[in-house]
Amino acid sequence: MKNEQKNNPLHGITLEAMLWHLVAVYGWDKMGLRINIRCFTHEPSVKSSLTFLRKTAWARTQVEKLYLESLEK
């Protein structure tokens, strides 16, 4: 089972840690432009974003993709 996660760059990274990283790299405005979801564009906060992203798989997938792209820079 440990070998399955060996090459997964998201393994061990929480959604909250991803959000804080993305806010530091892009800021809420640029995140809202890249991923057009209300919790990034209207009164953004980590708490409201976590609530939405935990319930919405497609948005969480986009956040994970943006996170991985930010690591490549």
C-alpha atoms as a PDB file:
ATOM      1  CA  MET A   1       0.000   0.000   0.000  1.00  0.00           C
ATOM      2  CA  LYS A   2       2.855   2.404   0.725  1.00  0.00           C
ATOM      3  CA  ASN A   3       4.201   1.917  -2.800  1.00  0.00           C
ATOM      4  CA  GLU A   4       0.904   3.091  -4.298  1.00  0.00           C
ATOM      5  CA  GLN A   5       1.423   6.601  -2.910  1.00  0.00           C
ATOM      6  CA  LYS A   6       5.179   6.696  -3.505  1.00  0.00           C
ATOM      7  CA  ASN A   7       4.975   8.855  -6.643  1.00  0.00           C
ATOM      8  CA  ASN A   8       1.855  10.830  -5.725  1.00  0.00           C
ATOM      9  CA  PRO A   9       2.899  14.462  -5.106  1.00  0.00           C
ATOM     10  CA  LEU A  10      -0.385  15.142  -3.294  1.00  0.00           C
ATOM     11  CA  HIS A  11       0.123  12.381  -0.745  1.00  0.00           C
ATOM     12  CA  GLY A  12       0.257  13.853   2.754  1.00  0.00           C
ATOM     13  CA  ILE A  13      -0.763  17.361   1.628  1.00  0.00           C
ATOM     14  CA  THR A  14      -4.011  18.568   3.146  1.00  0.00           C
ATOM     15  CA  LEU A  15      -6.527  20.604   1.207  1.00  0.00           C
ATOM     16  CA  GLU A  16      -6.001  23.422   3.687  1.00  0.00           C
ATOM     17  CA  ALA A  17      -2.224  23.383   3.082  1.00  0.00           C
ATOM     18  CA  MET A  18      -2.849  23.510  -0.676  1.00  0.00           C
ATOM     19  CA  LEU A  19      -5.129  26.522  -0.264  1.00  0.00           C
ATOM     20  CA  TRP A  20      -2.661  28.435   1.914  1.00  0.00           C
ATOM     21  CA  HIS A  21       0.095  27.712  -0.614  1.00  0.00           C
ATOM     22  CA  LEU A  22      -2.053  28.891  -3.522  1.00  0.00           C
ATOM     23  CA  VAL A  23      -3.096  32.051  -1.703  1.00  0.00           C
ATOM     24  CA  ALA A  24       0.569  32.819  -1.036  1.00  0.00           C
ATOM     25  CA  VAL A  25       1.567  32.179  -4.652  1.00  0.00           C
ATOM     26  CA  TYR A  26      -1.397  33.662  -6.547  1.00  0.00           C
ATOM     27  CA  GLY A  27      -3.615  35.532  -4.112  1.00  0.00           C
ATOM     28  CA  TRP A  28      -7.404  35.238  -4.107  1.00  0.00           C
ATOM     29  CA  ASP A  29      -7.890  37.453  -7.173  1.00  0.00           C
ATOM     30  CA  LYS A  30      -5.700  35.384  -9.478  1.00  0.00           C
ATOM     31  CA  MET A  31      -7.065  32.146  -8.056  1.00  0.00           C
ATOM     32  CA  GLY A  32     -10.576  33.384  -8.850  1.00  0.00           C
ATOM     33  CA  LEU A  33      -9.522  34.119 -12.417  1.00  0.00           C
ATOM     34  CA  ARG A  34      -7.937  30.689 -12.854  1.00  0.00           C
ATOM     35  CA  ILE A  35     -10.743  28.765 -11.133  1.00  0.00           C
ATOM     36  CA  ASN A  36     -14.005  30.657 -11.345  1.00  0.00           C
ATOM     37  CA  ILE A  37     -15.765  29.619  -8.161  1.00  0.00           C
ATOM     38  CA  ARG A  38     -17.617  31.964  -5.865  1.00  0.00           C
ATOM     39  CA  CYS A  39     -15.634  31.078  -2.737  1.00  0.00           C
ATOM     40  CA  PHE A  40     -12.535  32.521  -4.485  1.00  0.00           C
ATOM     41  CA  THR A  41     -14.185  35.610  -5.985  1.00  0.00           C
ATOM     42  CA  HIS A  42     -16.684  36.875  -3.393  1.00  0.00           C
ATOM     43  CA  GLU A  43     -15.453  37.449   0.165  1.00  0.00           C
ATOM     44  CA  PRO A  44     -12.899  34.635  -0.058  1.00  0.00           C
ATOM     45  CA  SER A  45     -11.680  32.785   2.985  1.00  0.00           C
ATOM     46  CA  VAL A  46      -9.939  29.498   3.597  1.00  0.00           C
ATOM     47  CA  LYS A  47     -12.849  28.301   5.742  1.00  0.00           C
ATOM     48  CA  SER A  48     -15.536  28.896   3.097  1.00  0.00           C
ATOM     49  CA  SER A  49     -13.287  27.458   0.396  1.00  0.00           C
ATOM     50  CA  LEU A  50     -12.631  24.296   2.401  1.00  0.00           C
ATOM     51  CA  THR A  51     -16.353  23.809   2.988  1.00  0.00           C
ATOM     52  CA  PHE A  52     -17.111  24.119  -0.714  1.00  0.00           C
ATOM     53  CA  LEU A  53     -14.147  22.105  -1.975  1.00  0.00           C
ATOM     54  CA  ARG A  54     -14.818  19.196   0.388  1.00  0.00           C
ATOM     55  CA  LYS A  55     -18.319  18.862  -1.084  1.00  0.00           C
ATOM     56  CA  THR A  56     -17.473  19.532  -4.742  1.00  0.00           C
ATOM     57  CA  ALA A  57     -15.166  17.037  -6.409  1.00  0.00           C
ATOM     58  CA  TRP A  58     -14.737  18.894  -9.732  1.00  0.00           C
ATOM     59  CA  ALA A  59     -13.601  22.076  -7.954  1.00  0.00           C
ATOM     60  CA  ARG A  60     -11.253  20.149  -5.655  1.00  0.00           C
ATOM     61  CA  THR A  61      -9.715  18.501  -8.732  1.00  0.00           C
ATOM     62  CA  GLN A  62      -9.079  21.912 -10.282  1.00  0.00           C
ATOM     63  CA  VAL A  63      -7.464  23.181  -7.076  1.00  0.00           C
ATOM     64  CA  GLU A  64      -5.218  20.110  -6.949  1.00  0.00           C
ATOM     65  CA  LYS A  65      -4.236  20.689 -10.586  1.00  0.00           C
ATOM     66  CA  LEU A  66      -3.421  24.350  -9.923  1.00  0.00           C
ATOM     67  CA  TYR A  67      -1.418  23.342  -6.862  1.00  0.00           C
ATOM     68  CA  LEU A  68       0.664  20.905  -8.903  1.00  0.00           C
ATOM     69  CA  GLU A  69       1.217  23.548 -11.600  1.00  0.00           C
ATOM     70  CA  SER A  70       2.425  26.004  -8.943  1.00  0.00           C
ATOM     71  CA  LEU A  71       5.016  23.484  -7.756  1.00  0.00           C
ATOM     72  CA  GLU A  72       6.460  23.180 -11.265  1.00  0.00           C
ATOM     73  CA  LYS A  73       7.396  26.872 -11.357  1.00  0.00           C
END
